[in-house]
Amino acid sequence: MTVNDDLMSEAVSLVPRMEFHCDPWTQPVLLGLNSLNWLFVYIGTDPMYRFDEHGRLRRAFVDGQLLRTTGETLAVMDRQSTSRLPDPQKTESALLRRDMPPEALLQFQQRVRTELQALANGLPHSRMTRQHPTEYPEIRNVFGMTLDRVLAAPQFLAPAIVHR
């Protein structure tokens, strides 16, 4: 049983996907691609990064905070819960948005690139625990090339996510 046991089995939209151990992390790493060729990266359960088909960041979950691209910066989505009157046992939850300042965005970008480079460097020598599909001998190469594509992307952020 691994830390990502539920995540690996629940991530059915990510085909292919693989779980492996890679230094310097103690938790398993899960990499997956969806039908749009977007890369999902889970290092344990936090952080999580989602990149579009061009290698640009769309969403992230880092240090307990949800982040999403605005095209220019990242919106930090803070969850705020309040009790509802007259029954204080019931609560309402809202996401409050604030934009990440430019200096923080640069630091975050460096963190992401450092982590992805460590994954790309460690992937060929990592200890794989599971993969789907199980018979996919070139899975490491596919994810190695995908990580390289993200690292080489000329833009860090994807265009703004359109509200529905």
Protein backbone atom coordinates (compact mmCIF):
# COMPACT_ATOMS: atom_id res chain seq x y z
CA MET A 1 0.00 0.00 0.00
CA THR A 2 1.35 3.44 -0.90
CA VAL A 3 0.50 7.02 0.06
CA ASN A 4 -0.99 7.63 -3.40
CA ASP A 5 -2.97 4.38 -3.38
CA ASP A 6 -6.33 6.10 -3.73
CA LEU A 7 -4.99 8.72 -6.12
CA MET A 8 -3.45 6.15 -8.44
CA SER A 9 -6.65 4.11 -8.61
CA GLU A 10 -8.97 7.14 -8.79
CA ALA A 11 -7.04 8.97 -11.51
CA VAL A 12 -8.81 6.99 -14.24
CA SER A 13 -8.79 9.94 -16.65
CA LEU A 14 -4.98 9.93 -16.61
CA VAL A 15 -3.80 7.36 -19.14
CA PRO A 16 -0.94 6.76 -19.05
CA ARG A 17 0.02 7.28 -15.41
CA MET A 18 2.82 6.04 -13.22
CA GLU A 19 3.77 6.14 -9.56
CA PHE A 20 7.40 6.08 -8.51
CA HIS A 21 9.85 7.09 -5.80
CA CYS A 22 12.36 9.79 -6.60
CA ASP A 23 14.95 11.60 -4.47
CA PRO A 24 14.70 13.93 -2.62
CA TRP A 25 11.02 13.16 -1.88
CA THR A 26 9.93 10.57 0.64
CA GLN A 27 6.38 10.41 -0.72
CA PRO A 28 5.58 8.73 -4.03
CA VAL A 29 5.29 10.84 -7.17
CA LEU A 30 2.44 10.35 -9.62
CA LEU A 31 2.68 11.54 -13.22
CA GLY A 32 -0.25 11.28 -15.60
CA LEU A 33 -1.50 12.53 -18.94
CA ASN A 34 -5.14 13.17 -19.76
CA SER A 35 -6.84 12.93 -23.17
CA LEU A 36 -5.82 16.54 -23.96
CA ASN A 37 -2.16 15.63 -23.34
CA TRP A 38 -2.06 17.75 -20.18
CA LEU A 39 0.53 16.71 -17.61
CA PHE A 40 -0.56 16.16 -14.01
CA VAL A 41 2.19 15.99 -11.37
CA TYR A 42 1.47 14.91 -7.80
CA ILE A 43 4.30 14.83 -5.29
CA GLY A 44 2.47 13.02 -2.54
CA THR A 45 -0.79 14.91 -2.23
CA ASP A 46 0.82 18.37 -2.04
CA PRO A 47 2.08 19.82 -4.32
CA MET A 48 0.03 19.14 -7.45
CA TYR A 49 0.69 20.81 -10.79
CA ARG A 50 -1.38 20.71 -13.99
CA PHE A 51 0.20 21.80 -17.28
CA ASP A 52 -1.51 22.23 -20.64
CA GLU A 53 -0.41 20.55 -23.87
CA HIS A 54 2.14 23.33 -24.46
CA GLY A 55 3.76 22.86 -21.04
CA ARG A 56 2.20 25.95 -19.45
CA LEU A 57 0.90 25.88 -15.88
CA ARG A 58 -2.91 25.98 -15.55
CA ARG A 59 -3.54 25.00 -11.93
CA ALA A 60 -1.62 24.02 -8.84
CA PHE A 61 -2.28 23.00 -5.28
CA VAL A 62 0.72 23.98 -3.15
CA ASP A 63 1.10 24.26 0.61
CA GLY A 64 -2.66 23.78 0.98
CA GLN A 65 -3.54 26.59 -1.44
CA LEU A 66 -5.32 26.33 -4.77
CA LEU A 67 -3.69 28.38 -7.54
CA ARG A 68 -4.95 29.01 -11.07
CA THR A 69 -3.61 30.96 -13.98
CA THR A 70 -4.98 34.36 -14.93
CA GLY A 71 -2.67 34.47 -17.95
CA GLU A 72 -0.60 37.21 -16.29
CA THR A 73 -0.13 35.83 -12.78
CA LEU A 74 -1.57 33.18 -10.49
CA ALA A 75 -4.78 33.68 -8.60
CA VAL A 76 -4.52 32.33 -5.05
CA MET A 77 -7.86 30.90 -4.01
CA ASP A 78 -8.40 30.98 -0.25
CA ARG A 79 -11.31 29.02 1.19
CA GLN A 80 -13.29 30.91 3.82
CA SER A 81 -15.94 29.15 5.89
CA THR A 82 -18.61 30.97 7.83
CA SER A 83 -21.42 29.62 9.98
CA ARG A 84 -24.98 30.18 8.83
CA LEU A 85 -27.51 31.74 11.12
CA PRO A 86 -29.83 30.69 12.70
CA ASP A 87 -28.11 27.24 12.70
CA PRO A 88 -24.39 27.77 13.54
CA GLN A 89 -23.76 24.04 12.89
CA LYS A 90 -24.24 24.66 9.17
CA THR A 91 -21.45 26.43 7.36
CA GLU A 92 -21.03 28.10 4.00
CA SER A 93 -17.79 28.08 2.12
CA ALA A 94 -16.51 30.63 -0.39
CA LEU A 95 -13.33 30.97 -2.40
CA LEU A 96 -11.71 34.36 -2.09
CA ARG A 97 -9.29 35.31 -4.86
CA ARG A 98 -6.14 37.36 -4.57
CA ASP A 99 -3.47 37.74 -7.22
CA MET A 100 0.07 36.63 -6.54
CA PRO A 101 2.51 39.58 -6.59
CA PRO A 102 5.20 39.53 -9.34
CA GLU A 103 8.07 38.73 -6.93
CA ALA A 104 6.16 35.81 -5.44
CA LEU A 105 5.29 34.54 -8.93
CA LEU A 106 9.00 34.52 -9.88
CA GLN A 107 9.88 32.60 -6.71
CA PHE A 108 7.06 30.14 -7.34
CA GLN A 109 8.13 29.65 -10.96
CA GLN A 110 11.68 28.89 -9.81
CA ARG A 111 10.37 26.39 -7.24
CA VAL A 112 8.27 24.58 -9.86
CA ARG A 113 11.11 24.46 -12.38
CA THR A 114 13.54 23.17 -9.73
CA GLU A 115 11.11 20.41 -8.71
CA LEU A 116 10.38 19.43 -12.32
CA GLN A 117 14.09 19.35 -13.17
CA ALA A 118 14.72 17.08 -10.17
CA LEU A 119 11.91 14.80 -11.38
CA ALA A 120 13.27 14.76 -14.93
CA ASN A 121 16.78 13.98 -13.66
CA GLY A 122 15.60 11.30 -11.24
CA LEU A 123 12.98 9.59 -13.41
CA PRO A 124 15.34 7.29 -15.35
CA HIS A 125 16.79 5.92 -12.09
CA SER A 126 13.64 5.99 -9.95
CA ARG A 127 11.93 2.99 -8.42
CA MET A 128 8.57 2.56 -10.11
CA THR A 129 5.83 1.16 -7.88
CA ARG A 130 2.90 1.06 -10.32
CA GLN A 131 1.86 2.11 -13.78
CA HIS A 132 -1.23 2.11 -15.97
CA PRO A 133 -1.44 0.57 -18.46
CA THR A 134 0.67 -2.16 -16.94
CA GLU A 135 2.17 -3.17 -20.29
CA TYR A 136 3.75 0.08 -21.44
CA PRO A 137 7.54 -0.36 -21.57
CA GLU A 138 8.23 3.18 -22.85
CA ILE A 139 6.27 4.94 -20.09
CA ARG A 140 9.41 6.45 -18.51
CA ASN A 141 10.50 7.84 -21.88
CA VAL A 142 7.05 9.34 -22.51
CA PHE A 143 7.07 11.13 -19.16
CA GLY A 144 10.71 12.12 -19.55
CA MET A 145 9.91 13.82 -22.87
CA THR A 146 6.79 15.41 -21.35
CA LEU A 147 8.77 16.86 -18.45
CA ASP A 148 11.36 18.16 -20.93
CA ARG A 149 8.54 19.81 -22.94
CA VAL A 150 7.25 21.57 -19.80
CA LEU A 151 10.75 22.68 -18.79
CA ALA A 152 11.38 24.06 -22.30
CA ALA A 153 8.06 25.90 -22.57
CA PRO A 154 8.71 29.56 -23.45
CA GLN A 155 5.80 30.71 -21.28
CA PHE A 156 5.27 29.58 -17.69
CA LEU A 157 1.56 30.40 -17.44
CA ALA A 158 -1.26 29.18 -19.61
CA PRO A 159 -3.87 31.69 -20.79
CA ALA A 160 -6.54 32.63 -18.27
CA ILE A 161 -9.03 29.91 -17.47
CA VAL A 162 -12.40 30.91 -18.93
CA HIS A 163 -15.18 31.03 -16.37
CA ARG A 164 -18.25 29.00 -17.20
